[in-house]
Amino acid sequence: MNLSKQVIGKRLKITSITNEEVTTRLSELGMFEGAIIKKLNQAPFSGPTLIQYNEFKLALRFDEASQISTEIYE
């Protein structure tokens, strides 16, 4: 399921990133496939998604979050 559709507050594992620009942006921050993130918030009406990775928080546009496939990490 893509990141934009996941439940807020869950820890998630990134399984794939389909957009090369998003892949580049996230890799510059040290975030690759297999990284464990937490979805903190989702703005309404296709707004940005707020995630936490390690000690920093990152806001992703709706279209960027839609390009990131994730699964719930337990």
C-alpha atoms as a PDB file:
ATOM      1  CA  MET A   1       0.000   0.000   0.000  1.00  0.00           C
ATOM      2  CA  ASN A   2       1.377   3.424  -0.777  1.00  0.00           C
ATOM      3  CA  LEU A   3       2.344   5.824   1.983  1.00  0.00           C
ATOM      4  CA  SER A   4      -0.481   8.271   1.290  1.00  0.00           C
ATOM      5  CA  LYS A   5      -3.056   5.543   2.084  1.00  0.00           C
ATOM      6  CA  GLN A   6      -1.434   4.146   5.246  1.00  0.00           C
ATOM      7  CA  VAL A   7      -2.807   4.705   8.736  1.00  0.00           C
ATOM      8  CA  ILE A   8      -1.409   7.589  10.819  1.00  0.00           C
ATOM      9  CA  GLY A   9       0.735   6.546  13.782  1.00  0.00           C
ATOM     10  CA  LYS A  10       1.971   3.242  12.331  1.00  0.00           C
ATOM     11  CA  ARG A  11       5.594   2.216  11.842  1.00  0.00           C
ATOM     12  CA  LEU A  12       6.145   1.357   8.199  1.00  0.00           C
ATOM     13  CA  LYS A  13       8.838  -0.290   6.115  1.00  0.00           C
ATOM     14  CA  ILE A  14       9.548   1.214   2.681  1.00  0.00           C
ATOM     15  CA  THR A  15       9.288  -1.610   0.130  1.00  0.00           C
ATOM     16  CA  SER A  16       9.781   0.380  -3.094  1.00  0.00           C
ATOM     17  CA  ILE A  17       9.916   3.875  -4.533  1.00  0.00           C
ATOM     18  CA  THR A  18       8.640   4.178  -8.101  1.00  0.00           C
ATOM     19  CA  ASN A  19       9.719   7.744  -8.917  1.00  0.00           C
ATOM     20  CA  GLU A  20      13.412   8.438  -9.588  1.00  0.00           C
ATOM     21  CA  GLU A  21      13.225  12.047  -8.285  1.00  0.00           C
ATOM     22  CA  VAL A  22      11.670  10.882  -5.017  1.00  0.00           C
ATOM     23  CA  THR A  23      14.274   8.114  -4.750  1.00  0.00           C
ATOM     24  CA  THR A  24      17.077  10.663  -5.198  1.00  0.00           C
ATOM     25  CA  ARG A  25      15.584  13.104  -2.674  1.00  0.00           C
ATOM     26  CA  LEU A  26      15.115  10.449  -0.010  1.00  0.00           C
ATOM     27  CA  SER A  27      18.505   8.819  -0.607  1.00  0.00           C
ATOM     28  CA  GLU A  28      20.183  12.194  -0.049  1.00  0.00           C
ATOM     29  CA  LEU A  29      18.606  12.067   3.422  1.00  0.00           C
ATOM     30  CA  GLY A  30      19.809   8.501   3.975  1.00  0.00           C
ATOM     31  CA  MET A  31      16.395   6.937   3.430  1.00  0.00           C
ATOM     32  CA  PHE A  32      16.359   3.876   1.152  1.00  0.00           C
ATOM     33  CA  GLU A  33      14.139   0.869   0.490  1.00  0.00           C
ATOM     34  CA  GLY A  34      13.928  -1.113   3.711  1.00  0.00           C
ATOM     35  CA  ALA A  35      14.008   2.001   5.920  1.00  0.00           C
ATOM     36  CA  ILE A  36      11.617   2.066   8.880  1.00  0.00           C
ATOM     37  CA  ILE A  37       9.531   5.255   9.093  1.00  0.00           C
ATOM     38  CA  LYS A  38       6.522   6.437  11.075  1.00  0.00           C
ATOM     39  CA  LYS A  39       3.589   8.283   9.513  1.00  0.00           C
ATOM     40  CA  LEU A  40       2.831  11.183  11.846  1.00  0.00           C
ATOM     41  CA  ASN A  41       0.116  13.102  10.018  1.00  0.00           C
ATOM     42  CA  GLN A  42      -1.764  13.522   6.747  1.00  0.00           C
ATOM     43  CA  ALA A  43      -3.235  16.854   5.706  1.00  0.00           C
ATOM     44  CA  PRO A  44      -6.772  16.685   4.298  1.00  0.00           C
ATOM     45  CA  PHE A  45      -7.712  17.007   0.624  1.00  0.00           C
ATOM     46  CA  SER A  46      -4.566  15.364  -0.784  1.00  0.00           C
ATOM     47  CA  GLY A  47      -2.269  17.517   1.325  1.00  0.00           C
ATOM     48  CA  PRO A  48       1.253  16.686   2.489  1.00  0.00           C
ATOM     49  CA  THR A  49       2.187  13.658   4.578  1.00  0.00           C
ATOM     50  CA  LEU A  50       4.409  14.113   7.632  1.00  0.00           C
ATOM     51  CA  ILE A  51       6.782  11.242   8.409  1.00  0.00           C
ATOM     52  CA  GLN A  52       9.526  10.607  10.932  1.00  0.00           C
ATOM     53  CA  TYR A  53      12.760   8.849  10.007  1.00  0.00           C
ATOM     54  CA  ASN A  54      15.278   8.376  12.815  1.00  0.00           C
ATOM     55  CA  GLU A  55      15.502  11.762  14.557  1.00  0.00           C
ATOM     56  CA  PHE A  56      14.119  14.026  11.828  1.00  0.00           C
ATOM     57  CA  LYS A  57      10.691  14.787  10.415  1.00  0.00           C
ATOM     58  CA  LEU A  58       9.946  15.250   6.743  1.00  0.00           C
ATOM     59  CA  ALA A  59       6.885  16.519   4.867  1.00  0.00           C
ATOM     60  CA  LEU A  60       6.199  14.887   1.516  1.00  0.00           C
ATOM     61  CA  ARG A  61       3.813  16.142  -1.152  1.00  0.00           C
ATOM     62  CA  PHE A  62       0.814  13.888  -1.770  1.00  0.00           C
ATOM     63  CA  ASP A  63       2.137  12.811  -5.185  1.00  0.00           C
ATOM     64  CA  GLU A  64       5.538  11.951  -3.645  1.00  0.00           C
ATOM     65  CA  ALA A  65       3.948   9.907  -0.852  1.00  0.00           C
ATOM     66  CA  SER A  66       1.861   8.090  -3.475  1.00  0.00           C
ATOM     67  CA  GLN A  67       5.078   6.896  -5.159  1.00  0.00           C
ATOM     68  CA  ILE A  68       6.358   5.186  -1.983  1.00  0.00           C
ATOM     69  CA  SER A  69       5.130   1.646  -1.350  1.00  0.00           C
ATOM     70  CA  THR A  70       5.110   0.568   2.280  1.00  0.00           C
ATOM     71  CA  GLU A  71       4.035  -2.257   4.542  1.00  0.00           C
ATOM     72  CA  ILE A  72       3.240  -2.165   8.249  1.00  0.00           C
ATOM     73  CA  TYR A  73       6.327  -2.959  10.313  1.00  0.00           C
ATOM     74  CA  GLU A  74       5.804  -4.816  13.557  1.00  0.00           C
END
